[in-house]
Amino acid sequence: MSQFFLFLISTFVSIMSTLLLVYVVVSWIVPPYNKYRAYLDRFMGTFLDPIRRIMPRTGMLDLSPIVLMLLLQFIETVARMFFR
C-alpha cells in the first residue's frame, strides 16, 4: 500500500514538474491571448499565486516557478523517506 502512495506522489510531482517547465517555456514564446496558454496560466496560477503572495518582488524576474519546483522535489523526497 505504501508503494502505491509513493507511486502516486511521484507521478504527481513528475506531471507537475513537466507542466511547470512547459509553462515557463510557453510564457516566453506564446502570446498571452492564446487560449491554450490561458488555460495553462490559469491552472499553474493556482499553484504559483500563493508563492507569489509570500515572496518579495524581484522586478521583472519571477522566481515562483523555481520555488514551486523546489517544493515539489522536497515533497517527493519526504514521501520517499516516509513510505520507504
C-alpha atoms as a PDB file:
ATOM      1  CA  MET A   1       0.000   0.000   0.000  1.00  0.00           C
ATOM      2  CA  SER A   2       2.819   2.406   0.781  1.00  0.00           C
ATOM      3  CA  GLN A   3       4.359   1.752  -2.638  1.00  0.00           C
ATOM      4  CA  PHE A   4       1.089   2.851  -4.208  1.00  0.00           C
ATOM      5  CA  PHE A   5       1.160   6.193  -2.366  1.00  0.00           C
ATOM      6  CA  LEU A   6       4.803   6.673  -3.278  1.00  0.00           C
ATOM      7  CA  PHE A   7       3.974   5.950  -6.930  1.00  0.00           C
ATOM      8  CA  LEU A   8       1.034   8.374  -6.776  1.00  0.00           C
ATOM      9  CA  ILE A   9       3.104  11.195  -5.272  1.00  0.00           C
ATOM     10  CA  SER A  10       5.995  10.554  -7.638  1.00  0.00           C
ATOM     11  CA  THR A  11       3.667  10.624 -10.641  1.00  0.00           C
ATOM     12  CA  PHE A  12       2.050  13.850  -9.436  1.00  0.00           C
ATOM     13  CA  VAL A  13       5.456  15.504  -8.963  1.00  0.00           C
ATOM     14  CA  SER A  14       6.593  14.367 -12.421  1.00  0.00           C
ATOM     15  CA  ILE A  15       3.456  15.697 -14.119  1.00  0.00           C
ATOM     16  CA  MET A  16       3.598  18.996 -12.229  1.00  0.00           C
ATOM     17  CA  SER A  17       7.309  19.433 -12.979  1.00  0.00           C
ATOM     18  CA  THR A  18       6.685  18.840 -16.672  1.00  0.00           C
ATOM     19  CA  LEU A  19       3.736  21.247 -16.722  1.00  0.00           C
ATOM     20  CA  LEU A  20       5.817  23.837 -14.891  1.00  0.00           C
ATOM     21  CA  LEU A  21       8.610  23.552 -17.439  1.00  0.00           C
ATOM     22  CA  VAL A  22       6.097  23.838 -20.292  1.00  0.00           C
ATOM     23  CA  TYR A  23       4.512  26.844 -18.543  1.00  0.00           C
ATOM     24  CA  VAL A  24       7.851  28.665 -18.295  1.00  0.00           C
ATOM     25  CA  VAL A  25       8.825  27.996 -21.920  1.00  0.00           C
ATOM     26  CA  VAL A  26       5.354  28.810 -23.265  1.00  0.00           C
ATOM     27  CA  SER A  27       5.282  32.089 -21.325  1.00  0.00           C
ATOM     28  CA  TRP A  28       8.373  33.220 -23.254  1.00  0.00           C
ATOM     29  CA  ILE A  29       7.181  32.133 -26.708  1.00  0.00           C
ATOM     30  CA  VAL A  30       3.377  32.104 -26.999  1.00  0.00           C
ATOM     31  CA  PRO A  31       1.429  35.404 -26.820  1.00  0.00           C
ATOM     32  CA  PRO A  32      -0.723  35.838 -23.691  1.00  0.00           C
ATOM     33  CA  TYR A  33      -4.024  35.936 -25.602  1.00  0.00           C
ATOM     34  CA  ASN A  34      -3.618  32.368 -26.888  1.00  0.00           C
ATOM     35  CA  LYS A  35      -6.413  30.211 -25.426  1.00  0.00           C
ATOM     36  CA  TYR A  36      -4.148  27.241 -24.626  1.00  0.00           C
ATOM     37  CA  ARG A  37      -1.716  29.480 -22.819  1.00  0.00           C
ATOM     38  CA  ALA A  38      -4.645  30.999 -20.911  1.00  0.00           C
ATOM     39  CA  TYR A  39      -5.676  27.517 -19.724  1.00  0.00           C
ATOM     40  CA  LEU A  40      -2.110  26.758 -18.662  1.00  0.00           C
ATOM     41  CA  ASP A  41      -1.777  30.156 -16.946  1.00  0.00           C
ATOM     42  CA  ARG A  42      -4.984  29.591 -15.028  1.00  0.00           C
ATOM     43  CA  PHE A  43      -4.022  26.068 -13.935  1.00  0.00           C
ATOM     44  CA  MET A  44      -0.466  26.916 -12.906  1.00  0.00           C
ATOM     45  CA  GLY A  45      -1.653  30.144 -11.306  1.00  0.00           C
ATOM     46  CA  THR A  46      -3.476  28.128  -8.654  1.00  0.00           C
ATOM     47  CA  PHE A  47      -0.101  26.789  -7.504  1.00  0.00           C
ATOM     48  CA  LEU A  48       2.080  29.824  -8.222  1.00  0.00           C
ATOM     49  CA  ASP A  49      -0.132  32.625  -6.863  1.00  0.00           C
ATOM     50  CA  PRO A  50       0.237  31.655  -3.171  1.00  0.00           C
ATOM     51  CA  ILE A  51       4.018  31.583  -3.624  1.00  0.00           C
ATOM     52  CA  ARG A  52       3.936  34.970  -5.375  1.00  0.00           C
ATOM     53  CA  ARG A  53       1.997  36.468  -2.465  1.00  0.00           C
ATOM     54  CA  ILE A  54       4.629  35.296   0.035  1.00  0.00           C
ATOM     55  CA  MET A  55       7.781  36.088  -1.945  1.00  0.00           C
ATOM     56  CA  PRO A  56       9.129  39.631  -2.167  1.00  0.00           C
ATOM     57  CA  ARG A  57       9.016  41.390  -5.545  1.00  0.00           C
ATOM     58  CA  THR A  58      12.115  40.990  -7.700  1.00  0.00           C
ATOM     59  CA  GLY A  59      11.156  43.320 -10.525  1.00  0.00           C
ATOM     60  CA  MET A  60      10.578  41.628 -13.871  1.00  0.00           C
ATOM     61  CA  LEU A  61      12.096  38.330 -12.711  1.00  0.00           C
ATOM     62  CA  ASP A  62       9.522  35.815 -11.401  1.00  0.00           C
ATOM     63  CA  LEU A  63      11.174  33.260  -9.139  1.00  0.00           C
ATOM     64  CA  SER A  64       7.974  31.495  -8.085  1.00  0.00           C
ATOM     65  CA  PRO A  65       8.380  28.624 -10.629  1.00  0.00           C
ATOM     66  CA  ILE A  66      11.801  27.850  -9.145  1.00  0.00           C
ATOM     67  CA  VAL A  67      10.336  27.821  -5.635  1.00  0.00           C
ATOM     68  CA  LEU A  68       7.487  25.573  -6.763  1.00  0.00           C
ATOM     69  CA  MET A  69       9.937  23.173  -8.405  1.00  0.00           C
ATOM     70  CA  LEU A  70      11.968  23.022  -5.187  1.00  0.00           C
ATOM     71  CA  LEU A  71       8.804  22.415  -3.147  1.00  0.00           C
ATOM     72  CA  LEU A  72       7.751  19.598  -5.463  1.00  0.00           C
ATOM     73  CA  GLN A  73      11.159  17.962  -5.167  1.00  0.00           C
ATOM     74  CA  PHE A  74      11.037  18.361  -1.383  1.00  0.00           C
ATOM     75  CA  ILE A  75       7.604  16.712  -1.240  1.00  0.00           C
ATOM     76  CA  GLU A  76       8.837  13.776  -3.298  1.00  0.00           C
ATOM     77  CA  THR A  77      11.945  13.368  -1.135  1.00  0.00           C
ATOM     78  CA  VAL A  78       9.918  13.413   2.074  1.00  0.00           C
ATOM     79  CA  ALA A  79       7.458  10.917   0.598  1.00  0.00           C
ATOM     80  CA  ARG A  80      10.316   8.601  -0.378  1.00  0.00           C
ATOM     81  CA  MET A  81      11.696   8.754   3.160  1.00  0.00           C
ATOM     82  CA  PHE A  82       8.275   8.283   4.766  1.00  0.00           C
ATOM     83  CA  PHE A  83       6.981   5.453   2.558  1.00  0.00           C
ATOM     84  CA  ARG A  84      10.227   3.510   2.405  1.00  0.00           C
END
